[in-house]
Amino acid sequence: MEERTPKEDLLVGGLDDWADAGWVYGSTRLAGITDQSNRRALAIGLVAEVIVQGLMIPGDVDDTGHHPWPHSTGDAIERIVREWLNDWPDEVPAPGAIVWLANTPAGDELAREVLSRESTRS
C-alpha cells in the first residue's frame, strides 16, 4: 500500500489552507525521521523543492489573504533558510513564522491526484 510522501501531505493540506514552516515540519513525520535536526533539514529541503517545482508560492498572510513575496526563487529560499536556522535552530517554528506557502494550480492538481489515488484504495 502506497503512503503519502511528505510533499504530497503538504500539498493536500494546501488545498484548504496556507502552510507555514511548522506545518511543513509536521509533514516530515511521514518520512519516519525522529531526529529534530534531520527533520528540520528535510523540511527546509521540502520547502525549496515545492517552490522550485512551482507547486507552492512563498509569501505573507494578512486579513486580505496570501501575498507572494517579490523575491526571486533563490532569494526567497535563502530568506527562508536563514530565518529558520537563525531564529528557530532548536525548535519547531511557531504558527505563521518564517513563511506562508500557497499552492499553485500545479500544486492543487498534484494534491487532487493524491486524494484521487487514496479514494480508489478505500
Protein backbone atom coordinates (compact mmCIF):
# COMPACT_ATOMS: atom_id res chain seq x y z
CA MET A 1 0.00 0.00 0.00
CA GLU A 2 1.46 3.33 -1.08
CA GLU A 3 1.55 6.00 1.58
CA ARG A 4 1.62 9.77 1.20
CA THR A 5 5.01 11.39 0.93
CA PRO A 6 5.79 14.49 2.98
CA LYS A 7 5.48 16.60 -0.20
CA GLU A 8 2.09 15.09 -1.02
CA ASP A 9 0.89 15.66 2.54
CA LEU A 10 1.97 19.29 2.39
CA LEU A 11 0.20 19.86 -0.93
CA VAL A 12 -3.00 18.12 0.16
CA GLY A 13 -3.10 20.35 3.23
CA GLY A 14 -2.51 23.30 0.94
CA LEU A 15 -5.79 22.66 -0.83
CA ASP A 16 -7.66 24.04 2.18
CA ASP A 17 -5.23 26.45 3.80
CA TRP A 18 -1.86 28.15 3.51
CA ALA A 19 1.02 26.23 5.07
CA ASP A 20 3.59 27.73 7.40
CA ALA A 21 7.04 26.40 8.28
CA GLY A 22 5.72 24.47 11.27
CA TRP A 23 3.18 22.75 9.03
CA VAL A 24 5.96 21.74 6.65
CA TYR A 25 7.91 20.37 9.60
CA GLY A 26 4.83 18.37 10.63
CA SER A 27 4.58 16.79 7.18
CA THR A 28 8.11 15.41 7.57
CA ARG A 29 6.82 12.92 10.14
CA LEU A 30 5.78 10.75 7.19
CA ALA A 31 9.45 10.20 6.34
CA GLY A 32 9.92 8.28 9.58
CA ILE A 33 12.71 10.55 10.79
CA THR A 34 12.68 11.21 14.52
CA ASP A 35 15.79 13.38 14.98
CA GLN A 36 14.68 17.03 15.13
CA SER A 37 17.68 18.46 13.25
CA ASN A 38 17.25 15.90 10.46
CA ARG A 39 13.54 16.70 10.25
CA ARG A 40 14.36 20.41 10.07
CA ALA A 41 16.82 19.74 7.23
CA LEU A 42 14.18 17.69 5.40
CA ALA A 43 11.57 20.42 5.95
CA ILE A 44 13.86 23.13 4.57
CA GLY A 45 14.63 20.94 1.57
CA LEU A 46 10.93 20.27 1.08
CA VAL A 47 10.18 24.00 1.08
CA ALA A 48 12.89 24.57 -1.53
CA GLU A 49 11.58 21.68 -3.63
CA VAL A 50 7.95 22.82 -3.78
CA ILE A 51 9.00 26.40 -4.56
CA VAL A 52 11.50 25.44 -7.28
CA GLN A 53 9.00 23.00 -8.82
CA GLY A 54 6.35 25.73 -8.95
CA LEU A 55 3.98 23.84 -6.65
CA MET A 56 3.81 26.47 -3.89
CA ILE A 57 4.46 30.21 -3.65
CA PRO A 58 6.14 31.79 -0.60
CA GLY A 59 4.63 34.90 0.90
CA ASP A 60 2.95 36.55 3.84
CA VAL A 61 -0.65 36.33 5.03
CA ASP A 62 -2.86 39.06 6.44
CA ASP A 63 -6.59 39.71 6.75
CA THR A 64 -6.91 40.09 2.98
CA GLY A 65 -5.17 36.85 2.04
CA HIS A 66 -1.84 35.48 0.82
CA HIS A 67 0.64 37.96 -0.64
CA PRO A 68 3.52 36.44 -2.65
CA TRP A 69 6.96 37.78 -1.91
CA PRO A 70 8.55 39.91 -4.63
CA HIS A 71 11.81 37.95 -4.29
CA SER A 72 13.35 35.68 -6.89
CA THR A 73 13.04 31.96 -6.17
CA GLY A 74 16.63 31.83 -4.95
CA ASP A 75 16.27 34.89 -2.73
CA ALA A 76 13.05 33.53 -1.22
CA ILE A 77 14.66 30.19 -0.41
CA GLU A 78 17.72 31.92 1.03
CA ARG A 79 15.48 34.07 3.26
CA ILE A 80 13.56 31.02 4.49
CA VAL A 81 16.72 29.04 5.27
CA ARG A 82 18.38 32.00 7.00
CA GLU A 83 15.36 32.78 9.18
CA TRP A 84 14.76 29.14 10.04
CA LEU A 85 18.37 28.46 11.03
CA ASN A 86 18.88 31.78 12.85
CA ASP A 87 15.52 32.22 14.56
CA TRP A 88 14.36 28.62 15.09
CA PRO A 89 17.52 26.49 15.33
CA ASP A 90 16.31 24.12 18.04
CA GLU A 91 12.53 24.29 17.92
CA VAL A 92 9.62 23.95 15.56
CA PRO A 93 8.67 27.37 14.15
CA ALA A 94 5.59 28.94 15.69
CA PRO A 95 2.45 29.22 13.55
CA GLY A 96 2.99 31.88 10.92
CA ALA A 97 6.73 32.18 11.50
CA ILE A 98 9.16 32.44 8.57
CA VAL A 99 6.87 31.94 5.55
CA TRP A 100 3.39 31.16 4.37
CA LEU A 101 3.16 28.84 1.37
CA ALA A 102 0.21 28.85 -1.02
CA ASN A 103 -0.46 26.07 -3.51
CA THR A 104 -0.21 26.99 -7.16
CA PRO A 105 -2.64 25.45 -9.67
CA ALA A 106 0.02 22.79 -10.34
CA GLY A 107 0.25 22.10 -6.59
CA ASP A 108 -3.53 21.79 -6.36
CA GLU A 109 -3.55 19.38 -9.31
CA LEU A 110 -0.94 17.13 -7.71
CA ALA A 111 -2.81 17.23 -4.38
CA ARG A 112 -6.07 16.22 -6.09
CA GLU A 113 -4.26 13.31 -7.79
CA VAL A 114 -3.12 12.14 -4.35
CA LEU A 115 -6.68 12.33 -2.98
CA SER A 116 -8.00 10.50 -6.04
CA ARG A 117 -5.39 7.77 -5.62
CA GLU A 118 -6.31 7.41 -1.95
CA SER A 119 -10.05 7.28 -2.65
CA THR A 120 -9.64 4.42 -5.13
CA ARG A 121 -7.90 2.38 -2.42
CA SER A 122 -10.77 2.76 0.05
